[in-house]
mmCIF file of all heavy atoms, coordinates in Angstrom:
data_MODEL
# 
_entry.id   MODEL 
# 
loop_
_atom_site.group_PDB 
_atom_site.id 
_atom_site.type_symbol 
_atom_site.label_atom_id 
_atom_site.label_alt_id 
_atom_site.label_comp_id 
_atom_site.label_asym_id 
_atom_site.label_entity_id 
_atom_site.label_seq_id 
_atom_site.pdbx_PDB_ins_code 
_atom_site.Cartn_x 
_atom_site.Cartn_y 
_atom_site.Cartn_z 
_atom_site.occupancy 
_atom_site.B_iso_or_equiv 
_atom_site.pdbx_formal_charge 
_atom_site.auth_seq_id 
_atom_site.auth_comp_id 
_atom_site.auth_asym_id 
_atom_site.auth_atom_id 
_atom_site.pdbx_PDB_model_num 
ATOM 1   N N   . ARG A 1 1  ? 1.920   13.921 23.132 1.00 0.00 ? 1  ARG A N   1 
ATOM 2   C CA  . ARG A 1 1  ? 1.506   13.816 21.736 1.00 0.00 ? 1  ARG A CA  1 
ATOM 3   C C   . ARG A 1 1  ? 0.005   14.053 21.596 1.00 0.00 ? 1  ARG A C   1 
ATOM 4   O O   . ARG A 1 1  ? -0.794  13.631 22.391 1.00 0.00 ? 1  ARG A O   1 
ATOM 5   C CB  . ARG A 1 1  ? 1.859   12.425 21.202 1.00 0.00 ? 1  ARG A CB  1 
ATOM 6   C CG  . ARG A 1 1  ? 1.720   12.303 19.704 1.00 0.00 ? 1  ARG A CG  1 
ATOM 7   C CD  . ARG A 1 1  ? 2.627   11.212 19.163 1.00 0.00 ? 1  ARG A CD  1 
ATOM 8   N NE  . ARG A 1 1  ? 4.003   11.593 19.330 1.00 0.00 ? 1  ARG A NE  1 
ATOM 9   C CZ  . ARG A 1 1  ? 4.825   11.049 20.213 1.00 0.00 ? 1  ARG A CZ  1 
ATOM 10  N NH1 . ARG A 1 1  ? 4.391   10.113 21.004 1.00 0.00 ? 1  ARG A NH1 1 
ATOM 11  N NH2 . ARG A 1 1  ? 6.068   11.446 20.320 1.00 0.00 ? 1  ARG A NH2 1 
ATOM 12  N N   . GLY A 1 2  ? -0.338  14.733 20.521 1.00 0.00 ? 2  GLY A N   1 
ATOM 13  C CA  . GLY A 1 2  ? -1.735  15.085 20.323 1.00 0.00 ? 2  GLY A CA  1 
ATOM 14  C C   . GLY A 1 2  ? -1.885  16.587 20.306 1.00 0.00 ? 2  GLY A C   1 
ATOM 15  O O   . GLY A 1 2  ? -2.947  17.117 20.020 1.00 0.00 ? 2  GLY A O   1 
ATOM 16  N N   . GLY A 1 3  ? -0.773  17.300 20.565 1.00 0.00 ? 3  GLY A N   1 
ATOM 17  C CA  . GLY A 1 3  ? -0.786  18.754 20.517 1.00 0.00 ? 3  GLY A CA  1 
ATOM 18  C C   . GLY A 1 3  ? -0.488  19.249 19.119 1.00 0.00 ? 3  GLY A C   1 
ATOM 19  O O   . GLY A 1 3  ? -1.144  18.898 18.163 1.00 0.00 ? 3  GLY A O   1 
ATOM 20  N N   . SER A 1 4  ? 0.537   20.083 19.006 1.00 0.00 ? 4  SER A N   1 
ATOM 21  C CA  . SER A 1 4  ? 0.883   20.696 17.724 1.00 0.00 ? 4  SER A CA  1 
ATOM 22  C C   . SER A 1 4  ? 1.678   19.719 16.870 1.00 0.00 ? 4  SER A C   1 
ATOM 23  O O   . SER A 1 4  ? 2.843   19.436 17.150 1.00 0.00 ? 4  SER A O   1 
ATOM 24  C CB  . SER A 1 4  ? 1.698   21.962 17.983 1.00 0.00 ? 4  SER A CB  1 
ATOM 25  O OG  . SER A 1 4  ? 2.119   22.520 16.764 1.00 0.00 ? 4  SER A OG  1 
ATOM 26  N N   . ARG A 1 5  ? 1.046   19.185 15.838 1.00 0.00 ? 5  ARG A N   1 
ATOM 27  C CA  . ARG A 1 5  ? 1.703   18.247 14.939 1.00 0.00 ? 5  ARG A CA  1 
ATOM 28  C C   . ARG A 1 5  ? 1.302   18.552 13.505 1.00 0.00 ? 5  ARG A C   1 
ATOM 29  O O   . ARG A 1 5  ? 0.216   19.057 13.238 1.00 0.00 ? 5  ARG A O   1 
ATOM 30  C CB  . ARG A 1 5  ? 1.319   16.796 15.267 1.00 0.00 ? 5  ARG A CB  1 
ATOM 31  C CG  . ARG A 1 5  ? 1.685   16.376 16.677 1.00 0.00 ? 5  ARG A CG  1 
ATOM 32  C CD  . ARG A 1 5  ? 1.322   14.924 16.897 1.00 0.00 ? 5  ARG A CD  1 
ATOM 33  N NE  . ARG A 1 5  ? -0.112  14.700 16.784 1.00 0.00 ? 5  ARG A NE  1 
ATOM 34  C CZ  . ARG A 1 5  ? -0.672  13.502 16.689 1.00 0.00 ? 5  ARG A CZ  1 
ATOM 35  N NH1 . ARG A 1 5  ? 0.068   12.428 16.662 1.00 0.00 ? 5  ARG A NH1 1 
ATOM 36  N NH2 . ARG A 1 5  ? -1.976  13.363 16.611 1.00 0.00 ? 5  ARG A NH2 1 
ATOM 37  N N   . ASP A 1 6  ? 2.195   18.217 12.577 1.00 0.00 ? 6  ASP A N   1 
ATOM 38  C CA  . ASP A 1 6  ? 1.911   18.411 11.161 1.00 0.00 ? 6  ASP A CA  1 
ATOM 39  C C   . ASP A 1 6  ? 1.458   17.088 10.556 1.00 0.00 ? 6  ASP A C   1 
ATOM 40  O O   . ASP A 1 6  ? 2.046   16.032 10.810 1.00 0.00 ? 6  ASP A O   1 
ATOM 41  C CB  . ASP A 1 6  ? 3.167   18.902 10.427 1.00 0.00 ? 6  ASP A CB  1 
ATOM 42  C CG  . ASP A 1 6  ? 3.616   20.274 10.918 1.00 0.00 ? 6  ASP A CG  1 
ATOM 43  O OD1 . ASP A 1 6  ? 2.728   21.083 11.256 1.00 0.00 ? 6  ASP A OD1 1 
ATOM 44  O OD2 . ASP A 1 6  ? 4.827   20.518 10.969 1.00 0.00 ? 6  ASP A OD2 1 
ATOM 45  N N   . LEU A 1 7  ? 0.415   17.146 9.740  1.00 0.00 ? 7  LEU A N   1 
ATOM 46  C CA  . LEU A 1 7  ? -0.072  15.941 9.075  1.00 0.00 ? 7  LEU A CA  1 
ATOM 47  C C   . LEU A 1 7  ? 0.942   15.500 8.029  1.00 0.00 ? 7  LEU A C   1 
ATOM 48  O O   . LEU A 1 7  ? 1.284   16.247 7.122  1.00 0.00 ? 7  LEU A O   1 
ATOM 49  C CB  . LEU A 1 7  ? -1.424  16.216 8.414  1.00 0.00 ? 7  LEU A CB  1 
ATOM 50  C CG  . LEU A 1 7  ? -2.072  15.022 7.698  1.00 0.00 ? 7  LEU A CG  1 
ATOM 51  C CD1 . LEU A 1 7  ? -2.403  13.921 8.686  1.00 0.00 ? 7  LEU A CD1 1 
ATOM 52  C CD2 . LEU A 1 7  ? -3.313  15.477 6.949  1.00 0.00 ? 7  LEU A CD2 1 
ATOM 53  N N   . ALA A 1 8  ? 1.442   14.259 8.176  1.00 0.00 ? 8  ALA A N   1 
ATOM 54  C CA  . ALA A 1 8  ? 2.450   13.736 7.248  1.00 0.00 ? 8  ALA A CA  1 
ATOM 55  C C   . ALA A 1 8  ? 1.821   12.907 6.135  1.00 0.00 ? 8  ALA A C   1 
ATOM 56  O O   . ALA A 1 8  ? 2.407   12.747 5.069  1.00 0.00 ? 8  ALA A O   1 
ATOM 57  C CB  . ALA A 1 8  ? 3.476   12.893 8.005  1.00 0.00 ? 8  ALA A CB  1 
ATOM 58  N N   . GLY A 1 9  ? 0.622   12.360 6.368  1.00 0.00 ? 9  GLY A N   1 
ATOM 59  C CA  . GLY A 1 9  ? -0.012  11.539 5.354  1.00 0.00 ? 9  GLY A CA  1 
ATOM 60  C C   . GLY A 1 9  ? -1.046  10.610 5.952  1.00 0.00 ? 9  GLY A C   1 
ATOM 61  O O   . GLY A 1 9  ? -1.361  10.687 7.146  1.00 0.00 ? 9  GLY A O   1 
ATOM 62  N N   . VAL A 1 10 ? -1.576  9.730  5.103  1.00 0.00 ? 10 VAL A N   1 
ATOM 63  C CA  . VAL A 1 10 ? -2.588  8.767  5.524  1.00 0.00 ? 10 VAL A CA  1 
ATOM 64  C C   . VAL A 1 10 ? -2.153  7.389  5.047  1.00 0.00 ? 10 VAL A C   1 
ATOM 65  O O   . VAL A 1 10 ? -1.675  7.238  3.917  1.00 0.00 ? 10 VAL A O   1 
ATOM 66  C CB  . VAL A 1 10 ? -3.974  9.126  4.934  1.00 0.00 ? 10 VAL A CB  1 
ATOM 67  C CG1 . VAL A 1 10 ? -5.007  8.078  5.328  1.00 0.00 ? 10 VAL A CG1 1 
ATOM 68  C CG2 . VAL A 1 10 ? -4.415  10.511 5.393  1.00 0.00 ? 10 VAL A CG2 1 
ATOM 69  N N   . ARG A 1 11 ? -2.319  6.396  5.882  1.00 0.00 ? 11 ARG A N   1 
ATOM 70  C CA  . ARG A 1 11 ? -1.965  5.028  5.511  1.00 0.00 ? 11 ARG A CA  1 
ATOM 71  C C   . ARG A 1 11 ? -2.982  4.066  6.097  1.00 0.00 ? 11 ARG A C   1 
ATOM 72  O O   . ARG A 1 11 ? -3.820  4.450  6.916  1.00 0.00 ? 11 ARG A O   1 
ATOM 73  C CB  . ARG A 1 11 ? -0.566  4.675  6.007  1.00 0.00 ? 11 ARG A CB  1 
ATOM 74  C CG  . ARG A 1 11 ? -0.426  4.753  7.510  1.00 0.00 ? 11 ARG A CG  1 
ATOM 75  C CD  . ARG A 1 11 ? 0.810   4.024  7.997  1.00 0.00 ? 11 ARG A CD  1 
ATOM 76  N NE  . ARG A 1 11 ? 1.066   4.241  9.408  1.00 0.00 ? 11 ARG A NE  1 
ATOM 77  C CZ  . ARG A 1 11 ? 0.412   3.637  10.391 1.00 0.00 ? 11 ARG A CZ  1 
ATOM 78  N NH1 . ARG A 1 11 ? -0.546  2.751  10.120 1.00 0.00 ? 11 ARG A NH1 1 
ATOM 79  N NH2 . ARG A 1 11 ? 0.697   3.883  11.669 1.00 0.00 ? 11 ARG A NH2 1 
ATOM 80  N N   . GLU A 1 12 ? -2.891  2.777  5.698  1.00 0.00 ? 12 GLU A N   1 
ATOM 81  C CA  . GLU A 1 12 ? -3.804  1.763  6.202  1.00 0.00 ? 12 GLU A CA  1 
ATOM 82  C C   . GLU A 1 12 ? -3.593  1.541  7.703  1.00 0.00 ? 12 GLU A C   1 
ATOM 83  O O   . GLU A 1 12 ? -2.474  1.634  8.211  1.00 0.00 ? 12 GLU A O   1 
ATOM 84  C CB  . GLU A 1 12 ? -3.619  0.441  5.453  1.00 0.00 ? 12 GLU A CB  1 
ATOM 85  C CG  . GLU A 1 12 ? -4.112  0.469  4.020  1.00 0.00 ? 12 GLU A CG  1 
ATOM 86  C CD  . GLU A 1 12 ? -4.061  -0.901 3.374  1.00 0.00 ? 12 GLU A CD  1 
ATOM 87  O OE1 . GLU A 1 12 ? -3.892  -1.903 4.106  1.00 0.00 ? 12 GLU A OE1 1 
ATOM 88  O OE2 . GLU A 1 12 ? -4.197  -0.977 2.141  1.00 0.00 ? 12 GLU A OE2 1 
ATOM 89  N N   . TYR A 1 13 ? -4.690  1.260  8.387  1.00 0.00 ? 13 TYR A N   1 
ATOM 90  C CA  . TYR A 1 13 ? -4.666  1.008  9.829  1.00 0.00 ? 13 TYR A CA  1 
ATOM 91  C C   . TYR A 1 13 ? -3.831  -0.231 10.144 1.00 0.00 ? 13 TYR A C   1 
ATOM 92  O O   . TYR A 1 13 ? -3.850  -1.220 9.414  1.00 0.00 ? 13 TYR A O   1 
ATOM 93  C CB  . TYR A 1 13 ? -6.091  0.808  10.333 1.00 0.00 ? 13 TYR A CB  1 
ATOM 94  C CG  . TYR A 1 13 ? -6.189  0.362  11.774 1.00 0.00 ? 13 TYR A CG  1 
ATOM 95  C CD1 . TYR A 1 13 ? -6.189  1.303  12.804 1.00 0.00 ? 13 TYR A CD1 1 
ATOM 96  C CD2 . TYR A 1 13 ? -6.267  -0.994 12.091 1.00 0.00 ? 13 TYR A CD2 1 
ATOM 97  C CE1 . TYR A 1 13 ? -6.275  0.895  14.133 1.00 0.00 ? 13 TYR A CE1 1 
ATOM 98  C CE2 . TYR A 1 13 ? -6.344  -1.405 13.415 1.00 0.00 ? 13 TYR A CE2 1 
ATOM 99  C CZ  . TYR A 1 13 ? -6.349  -0.456 14.430 1.00 0.00 ? 13 TYR A CZ  1 
ATOM 100 O OH  . TYR A 1 13 ? -6.427  -0.869 15.733 1.00 0.00 ? 13 TYR A OH  1 
ATOM 101 N N   . ARG A 1 14 ? -3.072  -0.156 11.236 1.00 0.00 ? 14 ARG A N   1 
ATOM 102 C CA  . ARG A 1 14 ? -2.296  -1.288 11.725 1.00 0.00 ? 14 ARG A CA  1 
ATOM 103 C C   . ARG A 1 14 ? -2.650  -1.530 13.181 1.00 0.00 ? 14 ARG A C   1 
ATOM 104 O O   . ARG A 1 14 ? -2.979  -0.592 13.914 1.00 0.00 ? 14 ARG A O   1 
ATOM 105 C CB  . ARG A 1 14 ? -0.788  -1.007 11.617 1.00 0.00 ? 14 ARG A CB  1 
ATOM 106 C CG  . ARG A 1 14 ? -0.301  -0.771 10.200 1.00 0.00 ? 14 ARG A CG  1 
ATOM 107 C CD  . ARG A 1 14 ? 1.108   -0.239 10.225 1.00 0.00 ? 14 ARG A CD  1 
ATOM 108 N NE  . ARG A 1 14 ? 1.612   0.059  8.907  1.00 0.00 ? 14 ARG A NE  1 
ATOM 109 C CZ  . ARG A 1 14 ? 2.689   0.773  8.664  1.00 0.00 ? 14 ARG A CZ  1 
ATOM 110 N NH1 . ARG A 1 14 ? 3.381   1.272  9.663  1.00 0.00 ? 14 ARG A NH1 1 
ATOM 111 N NH2 . ARG A 1 14 ? 3.096   1.001  7.433  1.00 0.00 ? 14 ARG A NH2 1 
ATOM 112 N N   . GLU A 1 15 ? -2.555  -2.777 13.593 1.00 0.00 ? 15 GLU A N   1 
ATOM 113 C CA  . GLU A 1 15 ? -2.849  -3.112 14.987 1.00 0.00 ? 15 GLU A CA  1 
ATOM 114 C C   . GLU A 1 15 ? -2.002  -2.258 15.917 1.00 0.00 ? 15 GLU A C   1 
ATOM 115 O O   . GLU A 1 15 ? -0.791  -2.126 15.736 1.00 0.00 ? 15 GLU A O   1 
ATOM 116 C CB  . GLU A 1 15 ? -2.573  -4.594 15.253 1.00 0.00 ? 15 GLU A CB  1 
ATOM 117 C CG  . GLU A 1 15 ? -2.935  -5.026 16.667 1.00 0.00 ? 15 GLU A CG  1 
ATOM 118 C CD  . GLU A 1 15 ? -2.647  -6.500 16.905 1.00 0.00 ? 15 GLU A CD  1 
ATOM 119 O OE1 . GLU A 1 15 ? -2.236  -7.182 15.952 1.00 0.00 ? 15 GLU A OE1 1 
ATOM 120 O OE2 . GLU A 1 15 ? -2.831  -6.927 18.055 1.00 0.00 ? 15 GLU A OE2 1 
ATOM 121 N N   . GLY A 1 16 ? -2.634  -1.648 16.897 1.00 0.00 ? 16 GLY A N   1 
ATOM 122 C CA  . GLY A 1 16 ? -1.914  -0.799 17.831 1.00 0.00 ? 16 GLY A CA  1 
ATOM 123 C C   . GLY A 1 16 ? -2.073  0.678  17.541 1.00 0.00 ? 16 GLY A C   1 
ATOM 124 O O   . GLY A 1 16 ? -1.741  1.515  18.393 1.00 0.00 ? 16 GLY A O   1 
ATOM 125 N N   . ASP A 1 17 ? -2.566  1.035  16.341 1.00 0.00 ? 17 ASP A N   1 
ATOM 126 C CA  . ASP A 1 17 ? -2.796  2.447  16.018 1.00 0.00 ? 17 ASP A CA  1 
ATOM 127 C C   . ASP A 1 17 ? -3.919  3.007  16.885 1.00 0.00 ? 17 ASP A C   1 
ATOM 128 O O   . ASP A 1 17 ? -4.839  2.284  17.289 1.00 0.00 ? 17 ASP A O   1 
ATOM 129 C CB  . ASP A 1 17 ? -3.177  2.610  14.541 1.00 0.00 ? 17 ASP A CB  1 
ATOM 130 C CG  . ASP A 1 17 ? -1.991  2.424  13.617 1.00 0.00 ? 17 ASP A CG  1 
ATOM 131 O OD1 . ASP A 1 17 ? -0.850  2.599  14.078 1.00 0.00 ? 17 ASP A OD1 1 
ATOM 132 O OD2 . ASP A 1 17 ? -2.210  2.110  12.435 1.00 0.00 ? 17 ASP A OD2 1 
ATOM 133 N N   . ARG A 1 18 ? -3.861  4.305  17.136 1.00 0.00 ? 18 ARG A N   1 
ATOM 134 C CA  . ARG A 1 18 ? -4.891  4.938  17.959 1.00 0.00 ? 18 ARG A CA  1 
ATOM 135 C C   . ARG A 1 18 ? -6.185  5.135  17.168 1.00 0.00 ? 18 ARG A C   1 
ATOM 136 O O   . ARG A 1 18 ? -6.153  5.570  16.015 1.00 0.00 ? 18 ARG A O   1 
ATOM 137 C CB  . ARG A 1 18 ? -4.391  6.282  18.467 1.00 0.00 ? 18 ARG A CB  1 
ATOM 138 C CG  . ARG A 1 18 ? -3.155  6.182  19.346 1.00 0.00 ? 18 ARG A CG  1 
ATOM 139 C CD  . ARG A 1 18 ? -2.744  7.535  19.855 1.00 0.00 ? 18 ARG A CD  1 
ATOM 140 N NE  . ARG A 1 18 ? -2.566  8.493  18.767 1.00 0.00 ? 18 ARG A NE  1 
ATOM 141 C CZ  . ARG A 1 18 ? -2.221  9.763  18.963 1.00 0.00 ? 18 ARG A CZ  1 
ATOM 142 N NH1 . ARG A 1 18 ? -2.049  10.217 20.186 1.00 0.00 ? 18 ARG A NH1 1 
ATOM 143 N NH2 . ARG A 1 18 ? -2.070  10.584 17.937 1.00 0.00 ? 18 ARG A NH2 1 
ATOM 144 N N   . VAL A 1 19 ? -7.301  4.828  17.808 1.00 0.00 ? 19 VAL A N   1 
ATOM 145 C CA  . VAL A 1 19 ? -8.604  4.959  17.158 1.00 0.00 ? 19 VAL A CA  1 
ATOM 146 C C   . VAL A 1 19 ? -8.871  6.404  16.769 1.00 0.00 ? 19 VAL A C   1 
ATOM 147 O O   . VAL A 1 19 ? -9.460  6.682  15.724 1.00 0.00 ? 19 VAL A O   1 
ATOM 148 C CB  . VAL A 1 19 ? -9.722  4.433  18.089 1.00 0.00 ? 19 VAL A CB  1 
ATOM 149 C CG1 . VAL A 1 19 ? -11.095 4.693  17.486 1.00 0.00 ? 19 VAL A CG1 1 
ATOM 150 C CG2 . VAL A 1 19 ? -9.533  2.940  18.353 1.00 0.00 ? 19 VAL A CG2 1 
ATOM 151 N N   . ARG A 1 20 ? -8.414  7.334  17.574 1.00 0.00 ? 20 ARG A N   1 
ATOM 152 C CA  . ARG A 1 20 ? -8.698  8.739  17.283 1.00 0.00 ? 20 ARG A CA  1 
ATOM 153 C C   . ARG A 1 20 ? -7.974  9.255  16.036 1.00 0.00 ? 20 ARG A C   1 
ATOM 154 O O   . ARG A 1 20 ? -8.287  10.327 15.539 1.00 0.00 ? 20 ARG A O   1 
ATOM 155 C CB  . ARG A 1 20 ? -8.349  9.619  18.480 1.00 0.00 ? 20 ARG A CB  1 
ATOM 156 C CG  . ARG A 1 20 ? -6.862  9.766  18.760 1.00 0.00 ? 20 ARG A CG  1 
ATOM 157 C CD  . ARG A 1 20 ? -6.682  10.694 19.947 1.00 0.00 ? 20 ARG A CD  1 
ATOM 158 N NE  . ARG A 1 20 ? -5.288  10.918 20.263 1.00 0.00 ? 20 ARG A NE  1 
ATOM 159 C CZ  . ARG A 1 20 ? -4.879  11.695 21.262 1.00 0.00 ? 20 ARG A CZ  1 
ATOM 160 N NH1 . ARG A 1 20 ? -5.776  12.289 22.036 1.00 0.00 ? 20 ARG A NH1 1 
ATOM 161 N NH2 . ARG A 1 20 ? -3.605  11.878 21.495 1.00 0.00 ? 20 ARG A NH2 1 
ATOM 162 N N   . ASP A 1 21 ? -6.999  8.480  15.529 1.00 0.00 ? 21 ASP A N   1 
ATOM 163 C CA  . ASP A 1 21 ? -6.290  8.885  14.316 1.00 0.00 ? 21 ASP A CA  1 
ATOM 164 C C   . ASP A 1 21 ? -6.932  8.314  13.048 1.00 0.00 ? 21 ASP A C   1 
ATOM 165 O O   . ASP A 1 21 ? -6.419  8.532  11.944 1.00 0.00 ? 21 ASP A O   1 
ATOM 166 C CB  . ASP A 1 21 ? -4.820  8.448  14.378 1.00 0.00 ? 21 ASP A CB  1 
ATOM 167 C CG  . ASP A 1 21 ? -4.020  9.288  15.361 1.00 0.00 ? 21 ASP A CG  1 
ATOM 168 O OD1 . ASP A 1 21 ? -4.414  10.447 15.591 1.00 0.00 ? 21 ASP A OD1 1 
ATOM 169 O OD2 . ASP A 1 21 ? -3.014  8.793  15.889 1.00 0.00 ? 21 ASP A OD2 1 
ATOM 170 N N   . LEU A 1 22 ? -8.036  7.567  13.195 1.00 0.00 ? 22 LEU A N   1 
ATOM 171 C CA  . LEU A 1 22 ? -8.711  7.017  12.027 1.00 0.00 ? 22 LEU A CA  1 
ATOM 172 C C   . LEU A 1 22 ? -9.186  8.136  11.098 1.00 0.00 ? 22 LEU A C   1 
ATOM 173 O O   . LEU A 1 22 ? -9.691  9.162  11.556 1.00 0.00 ? 22 LEU A O   1 
ATOM 174 C CB  . LEU A 1 22 ? -9.898  6.167  12.458 1.00 0.00 ? 22 LEU A CB  1 
ATOM 175 C CG  . LEU A 1 22 ? -9.570  4.776  13.016 1.00 0.00 ? 22 LEU A CG  1 
ATOM 176 C CD1 . LEU A 1 22 ? -10.794 4.165  13.672 1.00 0.00 ? 22 LEU A CD1 1 
ATOM 177 C CD2 . LEU A 1 22 ? -9.039  3.864  11.915 1.00 0.00 ? 22 LEU A CD2 1 
ATOM 178 N N   . CYS A 1 23 ? -9.012  7.904  9.804  1.00 0.00 ? 23 CYS A N   1 
ATOM 179 C CA  . CYS A 1 23 ? -9.432  8.883  8.802  1.00 0.00 ? 23 CYS A CA  1 
ATOM 180 C C   . CYS A 1 23 ? -10.707 8.372  8.122  1.00 0.00 ? 23 CYS A C   1 
ATOM 181 O O   . CYS A 1 23 ? -10.660 7.434  7.311  1.00 0.00 ? 23 CYS A O   1 
ATOM 182 C CB  . CYS A 1 23 ? -8.324  9.093  7.769  1.00 0.00 ? 23 CYS A CB  1 
ATOM 183 S SG  . CYS A 1 23 ? -8.764  10.257 6.458  1.00 0.00 ? 23 CYS A SG  1 
ATOM 184 N N   . ALA A 1 24 ? -11.840 8.947  8.481  1.00 0.00 ? 24 ALA A N   1 
ATOM 185 C CA  . ALA A 1 24 ? -13.125 8.478  7.966  1.00 0.00 ? 24 ALA A CA  1 
ATOM 186 C C   . ALA A 1 24 ? -13.216 8.648  6.454  1.00 0.00 ? 24 ALA A C   1 
ATOM 187 O O   . ALA A 1 24 ? -13.807 7.807  5.757  1.00 0.00 ? 24 ALA A O   1 
ATOM 188 C CB  . ALA A 1 24 ? -14.260 9.244  8.652  1.00 0.00 ? 24 ALA A CB  1 
ATOM 189 N N   . ARG A 1 25 ? -12.663 9.717  5.918  1.00 0.00 ? 25 ARG A N   1 
ATOM 190 C CA  . ARG A 1 25 ? -12.747 9.969  4.476  1.00 0.00 ? 25 ARG A CA  1 
ATOM 191 C C   . ARG A 1 25 ? -12.015 8.899  3.671  1.00 0.00 ? 25 ARG A C   1 
ATOM 192 O O   . ARG A 1 25 ? -12.563 8.363  2.707  1.00 0.00 ? 25 ARG A O   1 
ATOM 193 C CB  . ARG A 1 25 ? -12.165 11.347 4.170  1.00 0.00 ? 25 ARG A CB  1 
ATOM 194 C CG  . ARG A 1 25 ? -12.259 11.724 2.696  1.00 0.00 ? 25 ARG A CG  1 
ATOM 195 C CD  . ARG A 1 25 ? -11.755 13.127 2.453  1.00 0.00 ? 25 ARG A CD  1 
ATOM 196 N NE  . ARG A 1 25 ? -12.549 14.109 3.190  1.00 0.00 ? 25 ARG A NE  1 
ATOM 197 C CZ  . ARG A 1 25 ? -12.295 15.410 3.188  1.00 0.00 ? 25 ARG A CZ  1 
ATOM 198 N NH1 . ARG A 1 25 ? -11.246 15.889 2.519  1.00 0.00 ? 25 ARG A NH1 1 
ATOM 199 N NH2 . ARG A 1 25 ? -13.072 16.236 3.859  1.00 0.00 ? 25 ARG A NH2 1 
ATOM 200 N N   . ALA A 1 26 ? -10.787 8.562  4.080  1.00 0.00 ? 26 ALA A N   1 
ATOM 201 C CA  . ALA A 1 26 ? -10.030 7.532  3.366  1.00 0.00 ? 26 ALA A CA  1 
ATOM 202 C C   . ALA A 1 26 ? -10.670 6.163  3.551  1.00 0.00 ? 26 ALA A C   1 
ATOM 203 O O   . ALA A 1 26 ? -10.682 5.334  2.629  1.00 0.00 ? 26 ALA A O   1 
ATOM 204 C CB  . ALA A 1 26 ? -8.582  7.515  3.862  1.00 0.00 ? 26 ALA A CB  1 
ATOM 205 N N   . TRP A 1 27 ? -11.229 5.917  4.724  1.00 0.00 ? 27 TRP A N   1 
ATOM 206 C CA  . TRP A 1 27 ? -11.905 4.651  5.000  1.00 0.00 ? 27 TRP A CA  1 
ATOM 207 C C   . TRP A 1 27 ? -13.121 4.500  4.089  1.00 0.00 ? 27 TRP A C   1 
ATOM 208 O O   . TRP A 1 27 ? -13.326 3.436  3.479  1.00 0.00 ? 27 TRP A O   1 
ATOM 209 C CB  . TRP A 1 27 ? -12.314 4.610  6.463  1.00 0.00 ? 27 TRP A CB  1 
ATOM 210 C CG  . TRP A 1 27 ? -12.803 3.272  6.950  1.00 0.00 ? 27 TRP A CG  1 
ATOM 211 C CD1 . TRP A 1 27 ? -13.129 2.185  6.201  1.00 0.00 ? 27 TRP A CD1 1 
ATOM 212 C CD2 . TRP A 1 27 ? -13.023 2.889  8.308  1.00 0.00 ? 27 TRP A CD2 1 
ATOM 213 N NE1 . TRP A 1 27 ? -13.535 1.153  6.991  1.00 0.00 ? 27 TRP A NE1 1 
ATOM 214 C CE2 . TRP A 1 27 ? -13.476 1.550  8.303  1.00 0.00 ? 27 TRP A CE2 1 
ATOM 215 C CE3 . TRP A 1 27 ? -12.885 3.545  9.532  1.00 0.00 ? 27 TRP A CE3 1 
ATOM 216 C CZ2 . TRP A 1 27 ? -13.793 0.867  9.480  1.00 0.00 ? 27 TRP A CZ2 1 
ATOM 217 C CZ3 . TRP A 1 27 ? -13.192 2.859  10.706 1.00 0.00 ? 27 TRP A CZ3 1 
ATOM 218 C CH2 . TRP A 1 27 ? -13.637 1.540  10.675 1.00 0.00 ? 27 TRP A CH2 1 
ATOM 219 N N   . ALA A 1 28 ? -13.889 5.554  3.960  1.00 0.00 ? 28 ALA A N   1 
ATOM 220 C CA  . ALA A 1 28 ? -15.078 5.507  3.102  1.00 0.00 ? 28 ALA A CA  1 
ATOM 221 C C   . ALA A 1 28 ? -14.697 5.332  1.636  1.00 0.00 ? 28 ALA A C   1 
ATOM 222 O O   . ALA A 1 28 ? -15.379 4.642  0.876  1.00 0.00 ? 28 ALA A O   1 
ATOM 223 C CB  . ALA A 1 28 ? -15.884 6.795  3.287  1.00 0.00 ? 28 ALA A CB  1 
ATOM 224 N N   . ARG A 1 29 ? -13.626 5.956  1.219  1.00 0.00 ? 29 ARG A N   1 
ATOM 225 C CA  . ARG A 1 29 ? -13.219 5.905  -0.184 1.00 0.00 ? 29 ARG A CA  1 
ATOM 226 C C   . ARG A 1 29 ? -12.666 4.542  -0.581 1.00 0.00 ? 29 ARG A C   1 
ATOM 227 O O   . ARG A 1 29 ? -12.896 4.046  -1.683 1.00 0.00 ? 29 ARG A O   1 
ATOM 228 C CB  . ARG A 1 29 ? -12.164 6.994  -0.451 1.00 0.00 ? 29 ARG A CB  1 
ATOM 229 C CG  . ARG A 1 29 ? -11.771 7.100  -1.929 1.00 0.00 ? 29 ARG A CG  1 
ATOM 230 C CD  . ARG A 1 29 ? -10.772 8.224  -2.179 1.00 0.00 ? 29 ARG A CD  1 
ATOM 231 N NE  . ARG A 1 29 ? -9.494  7.967  -1.532 1.00 0.00 ? 29 ARG A NE  1 
ATOM 232 C CZ  . ARG A 1 29 ? -9.023  8.609  -0.493 1.00 0.00 ? 29 ARG A CZ  1 
ATOM 233 N NH1 . ARG A 1 29 ? -9.751  9.570  0.082  1.00 0.00 ? 29 ARG A NH1 1 
ATOM 234 N NH2 . ARG A 1 29 ? -7.846  8.305  0.025  1.00 0.00 ? 29 ARG A NH2 1 
# 
């Protein structure tokens, strides 16, 4: 995982989520 994937959406962070999947734009907004 981490290769060819389609973006399905953005949601609030949950414990256990990967740090590299953080969305800075949604976090800032």
